[in-house]
C-alpha atoms as a PDB file:
ATOM      1  CA  UNK A   1      -0.007  -0.001  -0.041  1.00  0.00           C
ATOM      2  CA  UNK A   2       1.266   3.483  -0.819  1.00  0.00           C
ATOM      3  CA  UNK A   3       0.109   6.559   0.989  1.00  0.00           C
ATOM      4  CA  UNK A   4       0.566   9.783  -1.183  1.00  0.00           C
ATOM      5  CA  UNK A   5      -0.309  13.016   0.317  1.00  0.00           C
ATOM      6  CA  UNK A   6      -2.587  15.246  -1.714  1.00  0.00           C
ATOM      7  CA  UNK A   7      -0.299  18.120  -0.894  1.00  0.00           C
ATOM      8  CA  UNK A   8       3.365  18.006  -0.814  1.00  0.00           C
ATOM      9  CA  UNK A   9       4.751  17.916   2.594  1.00  0.00           C
ATOM     10  CA  UNK A  10       6.476  21.337   2.721  1.00  0.00           C
ATOM     11  CA  UNK A  11       5.953  24.640   4.741  1.00  0.00           C
ATOM     12  CA  UNK A  12       3.964  26.259   2.028  1.00  0.00           C
ATOM     13  CA  UNK A  13       1.725  23.212   1.500  1.00  0.00           C
ATOM     14  CA  UNK A  14       1.564  23.415  -2.153  1.00  0.00           C
ATOM     15  CA  UNK A  15      -0.581  20.936  -4.015  1.00  0.00           C
ATOM     16  CA  UNK A  16       1.221  18.057  -5.475  1.00  0.00           C
ATOM     17  CA  UNK A  17       1.433  18.615  -9.308  1.00  0.00           C
ATOM     18  CA  UNK A  18      -0.440  16.206 -11.471  1.00  0.00           C
ATOM     19  CA  UNK A  19       2.955  15.574 -13.275  1.00  0.00           C
ATOM     20  CA  UNK A  20       4.517  14.514 -10.046  1.00  0.00           C
ATOM     21  CA  UNK A  21       1.635  12.323  -9.100  1.00  0.00           C
ATOM     22  CA  UNK A  22       1.710  10.645 -12.551  1.00  0.00           C
ATOM     23  CA  UNK A  23       5.507   9.998 -12.140  1.00  0.00           C
ATOM     24  CA  UNK A  24       5.042   8.483  -8.747  1.00  0.00           C
ATOM     25  CA  UNK A  25       2.186   6.163  -9.965  1.00  0.00           C
ATOM     26  CA  UNK A  26       4.221   5.109 -12.984  1.00  0.00           C
ATOM     27  CA  UNK A  27       6.847   3.888 -10.605  1.00  0.00           C
ATOM     28  CA  UNK A  28       4.518   1.820  -8.566  1.00  0.00           C
ATOM     29  CA  UNK A  29       5.127  -1.794  -9.796  1.00  0.00           C
ATOM     30  CA  UNK A  30       2.318  -4.164 -10.031  1.00  0.00           C
ATOM     31  CA  UNK A  31      -1.429  -4.131 -10.405  1.00  0.00           C
ATOM     32  CA  UNK A  32      -3.670  -4.626  -7.208  1.00  0.00           C
ATOM     33  CA  UNK A  33      -1.620  -1.959  -5.413  1.00  0.00           C
ATOM     34  CA  UNK A  34      -3.548   0.569  -3.345  1.00  0.00           C
ATOM     35  CA  UNK A  35      -2.829   4.255  -3.350  1.00  0.00           C
ATOM     36  CA  UNK A  36      -4.415   6.265  -0.585  1.00  0.00           C
ATOM     37  CA  UNK A  37      -4.623  10.047  -0.801  1.00  0.00           C
ATOM     38  CA  UNK A  38      -4.569  11.524   2.640  1.00  0.00           C
ATOM     39  CA  UNK A  39      -2.385  13.259   5.252  1.00  0.00           C
ATOM     40  CA  UNK A  40      -1.171  16.878   5.085  1.00  0.00           C
ATOM     41  CA  UNK A  41      -4.364  18.350   3.973  1.00  0.00           C
ATOM     42  CA  UNK A  42      -7.764  17.733   2.606  1.00  0.00           C
ATOM     43  CA  UNK A  43      -7.595  15.777  -0.755  1.00  0.00           C
ATOM     44  CA  UNK A  44     -10.912  17.544  -1.960  1.00  0.00           C
ATOM     45  CA  UNK A  45      -9.046  20.861  -2.021  1.00  0.00           C
ATOM     46  CA  UNK A  46      -6.798  19.516  -4.758  1.00  0.00           C
ATOM     47  CA  UNK A  47      -7.754  21.047  -8.123  1.00  0.00           C
ATOM     48  CA  UNK A  48      -6.785  17.711 -10.055  1.00  0.00           C
ATOM     49  CA  UNK A  49      -8.064  15.112  -7.626  1.00  0.00           C
ATOM     50  CA  UNK A  50     -10.339  13.496 -10.149  1.00  0.00           C
ATOM     51  CA  UNK A  51      -7.672  13.420 -12.770  1.00  0.00           C
ATOM     52  CA  UNK A  52      -5.255  11.712 -10.186  1.00  0.00           C
ATOM     53  CA  UNK A  53      -7.793   9.124  -9.357  1.00  0.00           C
ATOM     54  CA  UNK A  54      -8.552   8.406 -12.980  1.00  0.00           C
ATOM     55  CA  UNK A  55      -4.881   8.185 -13.848  1.00  0.00           C
ATOM     56  CA  UNK A  56      -4.105   5.751 -11.011  1.00  0.00           C
ATOM     57  CA  UNK A  57      -7.149   3.719 -11.917  1.00  0.00           C
ATOM     58  CA  UNK A  58      -5.893   3.654 -15.685  1.00  0.00           C
ATOM     59  CA  UNK A  59      -2.737   2.042 -14.321  1.00  0.00           C
ATOM     60  CA  UNK A  60      -4.640  -0.844 -12.618  1.00  0.00           C
ATOM     61  CA  UNK A  61      -4.286   0.578  -9.159  1.00  0.00           C
ATOM     62  CA  UNK A  62      -6.895   0.651  -6.411  1.00  0.00           C
ATOM     63  CA  UNK A  63      -7.382   4.130  -4.876  1.00  0.00           C
ATOM     64  CA  UNK A  64      -8.749   5.465  -1.741  1.00  0.00           C
ATOM     65  CA  UNK A  65      -9.373   8.989  -0.508  1.00  0.00           C
ATOM     66  CA  UNK A  66      -9.715  10.342   3.179  1.00  0.00           C
ATOM     67  CA  UNK A  67     -11.976  13.447   3.491  1.00  0.00           C
ATOM     68  CA  UNK A  68     -13.728  15.487   6.257  1.00  0.00           C
ATOM     69  CA  UNK A  69     -16.625  15.695   3.831  1.00  0.00           C
ATOM     70  CA  UNK A  70     -16.789  19.596   4.257  1.00  0.00           C
ATOM     71  CA  UNK A  71     -16.353  19.894   0.367  1.00  0.00           C
ATOM     72  CA  UNK A  72     -18.334  16.779  -0.541  1.00  0.00           C
ATOM     73  CA  UNK A  73     -21.317  18.587  -2.127  1.00  0.00           C
ATOM     74  CA  UNK A  74     -23.480  16.903  -4.809  1.00  0.00           C
ATOM     75  CA  UNK A  75     -21.436  18.059  -7.761  1.00  0.00           C
ATOM     76  CA  UNK A  76     -18.110  16.712  -6.208  1.00  0.00           C
ATOM     77  CA  UNK A  77     -19.830  13.552  -5.222  1.00  0.00           C
ATOM     78  CA  UNK A  78     -20.723  12.917  -8.816  1.00  0.00           C
ATOM     79  CA  UNK A  79     -17.299  13.666 -10.063  1.00  0.00           C
ATOM     80  CA  UNK A  80     -15.721  11.272  -7.534  1.00  0.00           C
ATOM     81  CA  UNK A  81     -18.206   8.548  -8.402  1.00  0.00           C
ATOM     82  CA  UNK A  82     -17.510   8.998 -11.980  1.00  0.00           C
ATOM     83  CA  UNK A  83     -13.697   8.251 -11.440  1.00  0.00           C
ATOM     84  CA  UNK A  84     -14.069   4.604 -10.244  1.00  0.00           C
ATOM     85  CA  UNK A  85     -12.759   5.398  -6.869  1.00  0.00           C
ATOM     86  CA  UNK A  86     -12.425   2.290  -4.787  1.00  0.00           C
ATOM     87  CA  UNK A  87     -12.541   3.534  -1.127  1.00  0.00           C
ATOM     88  CA  UNK A  88     -13.741   6.622   0.493  1.00  0.00           C
ATOM     89  CA  UNK A  89     -12.912   7.204   4.113  1.00  0.00           C
ATOM     90  CA  UNK A  90     -15.027   9.758   5.955  1.00  0.00           C
ATOM     91  CA  UNK A  91     -13.347  11.676   8.771  1.00  0.00           C
ATOM     92  CA  UNK A  92     -16.625  12.862  10.036  1.00  0.00           C
ATOM     93  CA  UNK A  93     -15.109  12.320  13.660  1.00  0.00           C
ATOM     94  CA  UNK A  94     -16.162  15.310  15.719  1.00  0.00           C
ATOM     95  CA  UNK A  95     -19.302  15.666  17.848  1.00  0.00           C
ATOM     96  CA  UNK A  96     -21.713  18.283  16.881  1.00  0.00           C
ATOM     97  CA  UNK A  97     -21.149  20.458  19.761  1.00  0.00           C
ATOM     98  CA  UNK A  98     -17.413  20.645  19.112  1.00  0.00           C
ATOM     99  CA  UNK A  99     -17.596  20.696  15.245  1.00  0.00           C
ATOM    100  CA  UNK A 100     -17.198  24.483  14.661  1.00  0.00           C
ATOM    101  CA  UNK A 101     -14.277  24.676  16.925  1.00  0.00           C
ATOM    102  CA  UNK A 102     -12.493  21.771  15.284  1.00  0.00           C
ATOM    103  CA  UNK A 103     -13.505  22.276  11.605  1.00  0.00           C
ATOM    104  CA  UNK A 104     -13.270  26.051  11.434  1.00  0.00           C
ATOM    105  CA  UNK A 105     -16.052  27.326   9.251  1.00  0.00           C
ATOM    106  CA  UNK A 106     -17.623  23.973   9.058  1.00  0.00           C
ATOM    107  CA  UNK A 107     -21.138  23.110   9.679  1.00  0.00           C
ATOM    108  CA  UNK A 108     -21.848  19.640  11.286  1.00  0.00           C
ATOM    109  CA  UNK A 109     -25.348  19.235   9.808  1.00  0.00           C
ATOM    110  CA  UNK A 110     -24.339  20.396   6.334  1.00  0.00           C
ATOM    111  CA  UNK A 111     -21.376  18.108   6.313  1.00  0.00           C
ATOM    112  CA  UNK A 112     -23.520  15.189   7.545  1.00  0.00           C
ATOM    113  CA  UNK A 113     -26.005  16.039   4.619  1.00  0.00           C
ATOM    114  CA  UNK A 114     -23.122  15.975   2.162  1.00  0.00           C
ATOM    115  CA  UNK A 115     -22.406  12.383   3.279  1.00  0.00           C
ATOM    116  CA  UNK A 116     -26.063  11.369   3.052  1.00  0.00           C
ATOM    117  CA  UNK A 117     -26.318  12.929  -0.438  1.00  0.00           C
ATOM    118  CA  UNK A 118     -23.166  11.055  -1.510  1.00  0.00           C
ATOM    119  CA  UNK A 119     -24.548   7.801  -0.286  1.00  0.00           C
ATOM    120  CA  UNK A 120     -27.982   8.503  -1.965  1.00  0.00           C
ATOM    121  CA  UNK A 121     -26.080   9.152  -5.383  1.00  0.00           C
ATOM    122  CA  UNK A 122     -24.237   5.966  -4.941  1.00  0.00           C
ATOM    123  CA  UNK A 123     -27.489   3.991  -4.199  1.00  0.00           C
ATOM    124  CA  UNK A 124     -29.456   5.594  -7.078  1.00  0.00           C
ATOM    125  CA  UNK A 125     -26.643   4.794  -9.342  1.00  0.00           C
ATOM    126  CA  UNK A 126     -26.509   1.200  -8.106  1.00  0.00           C
ATOM    127  CA  UNK A 127     -22.790   1.546  -7.485  1.00  0.00           C
ATOM    128  CA  UNK A 128     -20.989  -0.876  -5.223  1.00  0.00           C
ATOM    129  CA  UNK A 129     -17.822   1.388  -5.263  1.00  0.00           C
ATOM    130  CA  UNK A 130     -16.397   3.280  -3.555  1.00  0.00           C
ATOM    131  CA  UNK A 131     -16.606   1.217  -0.504  1.00  0.00           C
ATOM    132  CA  UNK A 132     -17.231   3.948   2.121  1.00  0.00           C
ATOM    133  CA  UNK A 133     -15.974   3.894   5.682  1.00  0.00           C
ATOM    134  CA  UNK A 134     -16.377   6.168   8.640  1.00  0.00           C
ATOM    135  CA  UNK A 135     -13.367   6.848  10.768  1.00  0.00           C
ATOM    136  CA  UNK A 136     -15.389   7.042  13.919  1.00  0.00           C
ATOM    137  CA  UNK A 137     -18.496   5.040  13.798  1.00  0.00           C
ATOM    138  CA  UNK A 138     -21.379   6.508  15.936  1.00  0.00           C
ATOM    139  CA  UNK A 139     -20.693  10.052  14.734  1.00  0.00           C
ATOM    140  CA  UNK A 140     -21.029   9.305  11.188  1.00  0.00           C
ATOM    141  CA  UNK A 141     -24.364   8.682   9.284  1.00  0.00           C
ATOM    142  CA  UNK A 142     -23.071   5.421   8.024  1.00  0.00           C
ATOM    143  CA  UNK A 143     -21.484   2.247   9.558  1.00  0.00           C
ATOM    144  CA  UNK A 144     -20.190   0.633   6.320  1.00  0.00           C
ATOM    145  CA  UNK A 145     -21.486   0.958   2.787  1.00  0.00           C
END
């Protein structure tokens, strides 16, 4: 398994370029490897996330994404579902009363609705993937789907 941050680990936290991502993916030997986009930032902030996923999938890799779901609106959900993403890990892990302090500018109920809308699009499309996991069950509107 290979963990590739959606942002380069540097003080400026610049987005990893699509070219660098492609170069790294091309170096991964063997199908059935998994690339997980996480760490050092929110992958949904990356302007080329869907291109990255599609490229990794075209090379026979499985790909997962961790997200706090703040930016997982209906449009972004559709784009992600269209990529063939294998796994989506939801870090909807903060209690409602603490949410605003931990996720600055975030709205617990809106984020929860984003997750429900994503799951509904997946259900309506009769999609088995991405497998969707919640980092802290009990606070997330899903257990495992």
